[in-house]
Amino acid sequence: MGSTRNRSLHGELKIIEMIQEMDKYYTPTIEEFHVGFEYEFKEKSEIFSFDKFPDSTSWNLSTVLDNNFIRVKYLDREDIESFGFIQDSYDSFSKGYVSLELDEDQLVRIDERKSEFNHRLFAGTIRNRSELKKILTQIGVI
């Protein structure tokens, strides 16, 4: 009796883990793709592997997107820190004179704090690491 209950609990935990994992990713639109766009591609083994656009494969991008063979990880703490930012609090990061705030809806605010007043460099939605890299490059942070 106990082993059946344990297997059932284990199965429920696996389902919860799978749902949480799915919430970290989304299927991008074709408009998001650009040179250097980072994504994961589902291999025949059902395992996703990291890649950058354009890659060496010759597949129809629309077909691949329609069949959910590509996913992109939502922007998270790890992505922000990969550009040299340090986490100051739950949703706030800093790098030199630049501060970055990220809320649950992927709304990002980037400010320059060189004086007593903040200068807003960017405010908008950034869904993934590739978009963050593009914005940070455009505003001269990296």
Protein backbone atom coordinates (compact mmCIF):
# COMPACT_ATOMS: atom_id res chain seq x y z
CA MET A 1 0.00 0.00 0.00
CA GLY A 2 2.77 2.42 0.97
CA SER A 3 4.78 1.86 -2.24
CA THR A 4 1.69 2.57 -4.40
CA ARG A 5 1.13 5.81 -2.49
CA ASN A 6 4.81 6.74 -2.90
CA ARG A 7 4.66 6.07 -6.65
CA SER A 8 1.52 8.20 -6.91
CA LEU A 9 3.16 11.04 -4.98
CA HIS A 10 6.32 10.73 -7.09
CA GLY A 11 4.20 10.93 -10.26
CA GLU A 12 2.40 14.04 -8.99
CA LEU A 13 5.72 15.70 -8.14
CA LYS A 14 7.04 14.93 -11.65
CA ILE A 15 3.95 16.59 -13.18
CA ILE A 16 4.44 19.68 -10.98
CA GLU A 17 8.13 19.85 -12.03
CA MET A 18 7.16 19.59 -15.71
CA ILE A 19 4.60 22.41 -15.36
CA GLN A 20 7.13 24.63 -13.58
CA GLU A 21 9.69 23.89 -16.31
CA MET A 22 7.17 24.78 -19.05
CA ASP A 23 6.46 28.12 -17.32
CA LYS A 24 10.12 29.09 -17.79
CA TYR A 25 9.87 28.88 -21.60
CA TYR A 26 7.73 30.15 -24.45
CA THR A 27 7.49 29.57 -28.19
CA PRO A 28 8.88 32.64 -29.97
CA THR A 29 7.25 34.35 -32.93
CA ILE A 30 9.03 34.39 -36.27
CA GLU A 31 9.51 38.18 -35.86
CA GLU A 32 11.77 37.64 -32.83
CA PHE A 33 14.45 35.85 -34.83
CA HIS A 34 17.59 37.80 -35.69
CA VAL A 35 21.28 37.04 -36.02
CA GLY A 36 22.46 35.86 -32.61
CA PHE A 37 18.96 35.06 -31.29
CA GLU A 38 19.33 32.37 -28.62
CA TYR A 39 16.84 29.50 -28.43
CA GLU A 40 16.57 25.80 -27.69
CA PHE A 41 15.71 23.26 -30.38
CA LYS A 42 14.00 19.94 -29.64
CA GLU A 43 16.03 17.04 -30.97
CA LYS A 44 14.56 13.69 -32.01
CA SER A 45 15.30 12.45 -28.52
CA GLU A 46 12.82 15.03 -27.12
CA ILE A 47 15.71 16.85 -25.43
CA PHE A 48 16.19 20.55 -26.12
CA SER A 49 19.65 21.77 -27.08
CA PHE A 50 20.93 25.37 -27.12
CA ASP A 51 21.52 27.16 -30.44
CA LYS A 52 21.83 30.62 -31.99
CA PHE A 53 20.15 31.89 -35.13
CA PRO A 54 21.11 31.38 -37.91
CA ASP A 55 22.44 27.91 -37.41
CA SER A 56 23.73 25.29 -39.80
CA THR A 57 20.42 23.43 -40.14
CA SER A 58 18.14 23.85 -43.10
CA TRP A 59 14.60 23.69 -41.78
CA ASN A 60 11.48 25.70 -42.39
CA LEU A 61 11.26 28.13 -39.47
CA SER A 62 7.47 28.48 -39.64
CA THR A 63 6.95 24.71 -39.54
CA VAL A 64 9.35 24.30 -36.63
CA LEU A 65 7.61 27.06 -34.65
CA ASP A 66 4.13 25.69 -35.39
CA ASN A 67 5.17 22.28 -34.05
CA ASN A 68 6.75 23.67 -30.85
CA PHE A 69 10.23 22.36 -31.69
CA ILE A 70 11.76 25.67 -30.57
CA ARG A 71 11.51 27.29 -27.18
CA VAL A 72 13.08 30.32 -25.53
CA LYS A 73 13.72 30.77 -21.83
CA TYR A 74 12.06 33.80 -20.28
CA LEU A 75 14.48 36.42 -18.96
CA ASP A 76 15.61 35.54 -15.44
CA ARG A 77 18.21 36.40 -12.79
CA GLU A 78 20.85 34.19 -14.38
CA ASP A 79 20.52 35.99 -17.74
CA ILE A 80 20.80 39.44 -16.15
CA GLU A 81 23.83 38.42 -14.09
CA SER A 82 25.51 37.04 -17.23
CA PHE A 83 25.96 40.67 -18.35
CA GLY A 84 27.80 41.63 -15.17
CA PHE A 85 24.85 42.84 -13.09
CA ILE A 86 24.73 42.06 -9.38
CA GLN A 87 21.43 41.30 -7.68
CA ASP A 88 20.68 43.96 -5.04
CA SER A 89 17.24 42.71 -4.03
CA TYR A 90 14.57 40.34 -5.30
CA ASP A 91 13.86 42.31 -8.50
CA SER A 92 16.68 44.88 -8.61
CA PHE A 93 20.17 44.61 -10.12
CA SER A 94 23.08 46.99 -10.58
CA LYS A 95 26.20 47.33 -12.68
CA GLY A 96 28.28 50.41 -11.94
CA TYR A 97 26.00 53.43 -12.35
CA VAL A 98 23.27 51.42 -14.05
CA SER A 99 20.30 49.87 -12.25
CA LEU A 100 17.90 47.33 -13.71
CA GLU A 101 14.52 46.28 -12.33
CA LEU A 102 12.52 43.30 -13.60
CA ASP A 103 8.93 42.54 -12.61
CA GLU A 104 6.85 39.38 -13.06
CA ASP A 105 5.45 40.56 -16.42
CA GLN A 106 8.94 40.89 -17.94
CA LEU A 107 8.70 44.70 -17.66
CA VAL A 108 12.24 46.03 -17.39
CA ARG A 109 13.37 49.48 -16.28
CA ILE A 110 17.00 50.46 -16.78
CA ASP A 111 18.23 53.69 -15.18
CA GLU A 112 21.52 55.54 -15.00
CA ARG A 113 22.30 56.83 -11.50
CA LYS A 114 25.19 59.28 -11.92
CA SER A 115 23.66 62.09 -9.87
CA GLU A 116 20.88 62.51 -7.35
CA PHE A 117 18.40 62.03 -10.20
CA ASN A 118 17.94 58.84 -12.18
CA HIS A 119 18.02 59.03 -15.96
CA ARG A 120 15.72 56.43 -17.56
CA LEU A 121 17.62 54.61 -20.30
CA PHE A 122 14.94 52.06 -21.11
CA ALA A 123 11.48 50.95 -20.00
CA GLY A 124 9.65 48.15 -21.72
CA THR A 125 9.09 44.43 -22.02
CA ILE A 126 12.13 42.20 -22.44
CA ARG A 127 11.18 38.54 -22.70
CA ASN A 128 14.57 36.84 -23.12
CA ARG A 129 18.37 37.10 -22.92
CA SER A 130 18.75 37.96 -26.63
CA GLU A 131 16.43 40.97 -26.28
CA LEU A 132 18.26 42.14 -23.15
CA LYS A 133 21.61 41.91 -24.93
CA LYS A 134 20.25 43.93 -27.85
CA ILE A 135 18.88 46.70 -25.56
CA LEU A 136 22.01 46.83 -23.37
CA THR A 137 24.13 47.20 -26.53
CA GLN A 138 21.90 49.93 -27.94
CA ILE A 139 22.01 52.02 -24.77
CA GLY A 140 25.76 51.53 -24.34
CA VAL A 141 25.81 49.41 -21.19
CA ILE A 142 27.74 46.58 -22.85
